[in-house]
Amino acid sequence: MFLFNVTTHLDEAQEAEWLHWMQEEHIPTLLKGEYFKTATLTKVMVEESMGGVTYTVQYTTDHKAIINGLYERQAADLEAQLMKKFGNEVLSFKTPLKIIGQY
């Protein structure tokens, strides 16, 4: 099993709009496709020294090729959507992960 982790930091003023967009548009769109089985949305519970809030989404898939395919086919479009809607104030980074074990 593989995880595709996306960590996003944003200004608190954008939090409600971003969260609504993620829950109602972005995550459902990715789950409708052929890429991911599930998604877990979390809020990082650490006070950021630079201010703002941080969230993560972990998408699950059985195949590493799914993550590679997303990078190749849709990553630029997804990032452009994010930039168009929220501008430079939302910073995201992506990390592909392989699950070694769950205990």
C-alpha atoms as a PDB file:
ATOM      1  CA  MET A   1       0.000   0.000   0.000  1.00  0.00           C
ATOM      2  CA  PHE A   2       1.188   3.506  -0.813  1.00  0.00           C
ATOM      3  CA  LEU A   3       0.323   6.945   0.513  1.00  0.00           C
ATOM      4  CA  PHE A   4       0.477  10.200  -1.358  1.00  0.00           C
ATOM      5  CA  ASN A   5       0.838  12.850   1.346  1.00  0.00           C
ATOM      6  CA  VAL A   6       0.123  16.506   0.569  1.00  0.00           C
ATOM      7  CA  THR A   7       0.997  19.021   3.271  1.00  0.00           C
ATOM      8  CA  THR A   8      -0.453  22.524   2.862  1.00  0.00           C
ATOM      9  CA  HIS A   9       0.256  25.668   4.855  1.00  0.00           C
ATOM     10  CA  LEU A  10      -2.066  28.658   4.519  1.00  0.00           C
ATOM     11  CA  ASP A  11      -3.114  31.874   6.163  1.00  0.00           C
ATOM     12  CA  GLU A  12      -5.908  31.569   8.718  1.00  0.00           C
ATOM     13  CA  ALA A  13      -7.980  34.041   6.675  1.00  0.00           C
ATOM     14  CA  GLN A  14      -8.154  31.457   3.852  1.00  0.00           C
ATOM     15  CA  GLU A  15      -8.739  28.440   6.082  1.00  0.00           C
ATOM     16  CA  ALA A  16     -12.543  28.154   5.863  1.00  0.00           C
ATOM     17  CA  GLU A  17     -12.658  28.647   2.088  1.00  0.00           C
ATOM     18  CA  TRP A  18      -9.749  26.259   1.461  1.00  0.00           C
ATOM     19  CA  LEU A  19     -11.212  23.606   3.765  1.00  0.00           C
ATOM     20  CA  HIS A  20     -14.597  23.827   2.042  1.00  0.00           C
ATOM     21  CA  TRP A  21     -12.946  23.567  -1.392  1.00  0.00           C
ATOM     22  CA  MET A  22     -10.887  20.569  -0.319  1.00  0.00           C
ATOM     23  CA  GLN A  23     -13.839  18.701   1.201  1.00  0.00           C
ATOM     24  CA  GLU A  24     -16.442  19.538  -1.432  1.00  0.00           C
ATOM     25  CA  GLU A  25     -14.430  19.730  -4.659  1.00  0.00           C
ATOM     26  CA  HIS A  26     -10.785  18.710  -4.661  1.00  0.00           C
ATOM     27  CA  ILE A  27     -10.775  15.488  -2.616  1.00  0.00           C
ATOM     28  CA  PRO A  28     -14.026  14.142  -4.138  1.00  0.00           C
ATOM     29  CA  THR A  29     -12.634  14.796  -7.626  1.00  0.00           C
ATOM     30  CA  LEU A  30      -9.487  12.796  -6.912  1.00  0.00           C
ATOM     31  CA  LEU A  31     -11.462   9.954  -5.336  1.00  0.00           C
ATOM     32  CA  LYS A  32     -13.765   9.720  -8.379  1.00  0.00           C
ATOM     33  CA  GLY A  33     -10.795   9.084 -10.634  1.00  0.00           C
ATOM     34  CA  GLU A  34      -8.674   5.996 -10.980  1.00  0.00           C
ATOM     35  CA  TYR A  35      -6.002   7.192  -8.608  1.00  0.00           C
ATOM     36  CA  PHE A  36      -6.892   6.734  -4.972  1.00  0.00           C
ATOM     37  CA  LYS A  37      -9.025   4.504  -2.768  1.00  0.00           C
ATOM     38  CA  THR A  38      -9.342   6.742   0.312  1.00  0.00           C
ATOM     39  CA  ALA A  39      -8.294  10.148   1.596  1.00  0.00           C
ATOM     40  CA  THR A  40      -7.664  11.288   5.166  1.00  0.00           C
ATOM     41  CA  LEU A  41      -7.700  15.023   5.872  1.00  0.00           C
ATOM     42  CA  THR A  42      -5.906  16.150   9.033  1.00  0.00           C
ATOM     43  CA  LYS A  43      -5.037  19.439  10.694  1.00  0.00           C
ATOM     44  CA  VAL A  44      -1.541  19.766  12.164  1.00  0.00           C
ATOM     45  CA  MET A  45      -1.976  20.633  15.828  1.00  0.00           C
ATOM     46  CA  VAL A  46       1.280  22.561  16.254  1.00  0.00           C
ATOM     47  CA  GLU A  47       1.327  26.328  16.560  1.00  0.00           C
ATOM     48  CA  GLU A  48       3.268  27.663  13.606  1.00  0.00           C
ATOM     49  CA  SER A  49       5.955  30.255  14.425  1.00  0.00           C
ATOM     50  CA  MET A  50       5.261  31.988  11.100  1.00  0.00           C
ATOM     51  CA  GLY A  51       1.510  31.980  11.758  1.00  0.00           C
ATOM     52  CA  GLY A  52      -1.145  30.329   9.680  1.00  0.00           C
ATOM     53  CA  VAL A  53      -2.377  26.749   9.778  1.00  0.00           C
ATOM     54  CA  THR A  54      -1.187  23.485   8.270  1.00  0.00           C
ATOM     55  CA  TYR A  55      -3.199  20.557   6.943  1.00  0.00           C
ATOM     56  CA  THR A  56      -2.294  17.223   5.413  1.00  0.00           C
ATOM     57  CA  VAL A  57      -4.180  14.869   3.146  1.00  0.00           C
ATOM     58  CA  GLN A  58      -3.075  11.260   2.844  1.00  0.00           C
ATOM     59  CA  TYR A  59      -4.424   9.517  -0.240  1.00  0.00           C
ATOM     60  CA  THR A  60      -4.110   5.709  -0.371  1.00  0.00           C
ATOM     61  CA  THR A  61      -3.464   3.480  -3.356  1.00  0.00           C
ATOM     62  CA  ASP A  62      -2.326  -0.084  -3.926  1.00  0.00           C
ATOM     63  CA  HIS A  63       0.108   0.825  -6.694  1.00  0.00           C
ATOM     64  CA  LYS A  64       3.075   3.182  -6.843  1.00  0.00           C
ATOM     65  CA  ALA A  65       2.351   3.636 -10.543  1.00  0.00           C
ATOM     66  CA  ILE A  66      -0.853   5.479  -9.588  1.00  0.00           C
ATOM     67  CA  ILE A  67       1.187   8.146  -7.790  1.00  0.00           C
ATOM     68  CA  ASN A  68       3.639   8.347 -10.690  1.00  0.00           C
ATOM     69  CA  GLY A  69       0.719   8.654 -13.122  1.00  0.00           C
ATOM     70  CA  LEU A  70      -0.770  11.493 -11.116  1.00  0.00           C
ATOM     71  CA  TYR A  71       2.537  13.356 -11.231  1.00  0.00           C
ATOM     72  CA  GLU A  72       2.804  12.863 -14.975  1.00  0.00           C
ATOM     73  CA  ARG A  73      -0.794  13.578 -15.982  1.00  0.00           C
ATOM     74  CA  GLN A  74      -2.408  15.895 -13.486  1.00  0.00           C
ATOM     75  CA  ALA A  75       0.023  17.459 -11.020  1.00  0.00           C
ATOM     76  CA  ALA A  76       0.511  20.652 -13.043  1.00  0.00           C
ATOM     77  CA  ASP A  77      -3.255  21.087 -13.537  1.00  0.00           C
ATOM     78  CA  LEU A  78      -4.005  20.492  -9.860  1.00  0.00           C
ATOM     79  CA  GLU A  79      -1.335  22.978  -8.779  1.00  0.00           C
ATOM     80  CA  ALA A  80      -2.646  25.551 -11.276  1.00  0.00           C
ATOM     81  CA  GLN A  81      -6.167  25.178  -9.827  1.00  0.00           C
ATOM     82  CA  LEU A  82      -4.814  25.738  -6.323  1.00  0.00           C
ATOM     83  CA  MET A  83      -2.816  28.805  -7.387  1.00  0.00           C
ATOM     84  CA  LYS A  84      -5.747  30.289  -9.311  1.00  0.00           C
ATOM     85  CA  LYS A  85      -8.119  29.889  -6.390  1.00  0.00           C
ATOM     86  CA  PHE A  86      -5.812  30.799  -3.478  1.00  0.00           C
ATOM     87  CA  GLY A  87      -2.723  32.497  -4.904  1.00  0.00           C
ATOM     88  CA  ASN A  88       0.790  32.408  -3.496  1.00  0.00           C
ATOM     89  CA  GLU A  89      -0.387  32.409   0.111  1.00  0.00           C
ATOM     90  CA  VAL A  90      -1.053  28.663   0.038  1.00  0.00           C
ATOM     91  CA  LEU A  91       2.088  26.523   0.042  1.00  0.00           C
ATOM     92  CA  SER A  92       1.923  22.771  -0.580  1.00  0.00           C
ATOM     93  CA  PHE A  93       4.440  19.992  -0.838  1.00  0.00           C
ATOM     94  CA  LYS A  94       3.877  16.405  -1.836  1.00  0.00           C
ATOM     95  CA  THR A  95       5.498  13.238  -0.510  1.00  0.00           C
ATOM     96  CA  PRO A  96       4.964   9.742  -1.907  1.00  0.00           C
ATOM     97  CA  LEU A  97       5.276   7.115   0.849  1.00  0.00           C
ATOM     98  CA  LYS A  98       5.304   3.330   0.978  1.00  0.00           C
ATOM     99  CA  ILE A  99       3.589   1.722   3.961  1.00  0.00           C
ATOM    100  CA  ILE A 100       5.969  -0.791   5.529  1.00  0.00           C
ATOM    101  CA  GLY A 101       3.656  -1.959   8.305  1.00  0.00           C
ATOM    102  CA  GLN A 102       0.674  -0.965  10.376  1.00  0.00           C
ATOM    103  CA  TYR A 103       0.687  -1.964  14.042  1.00  0.00           C
END
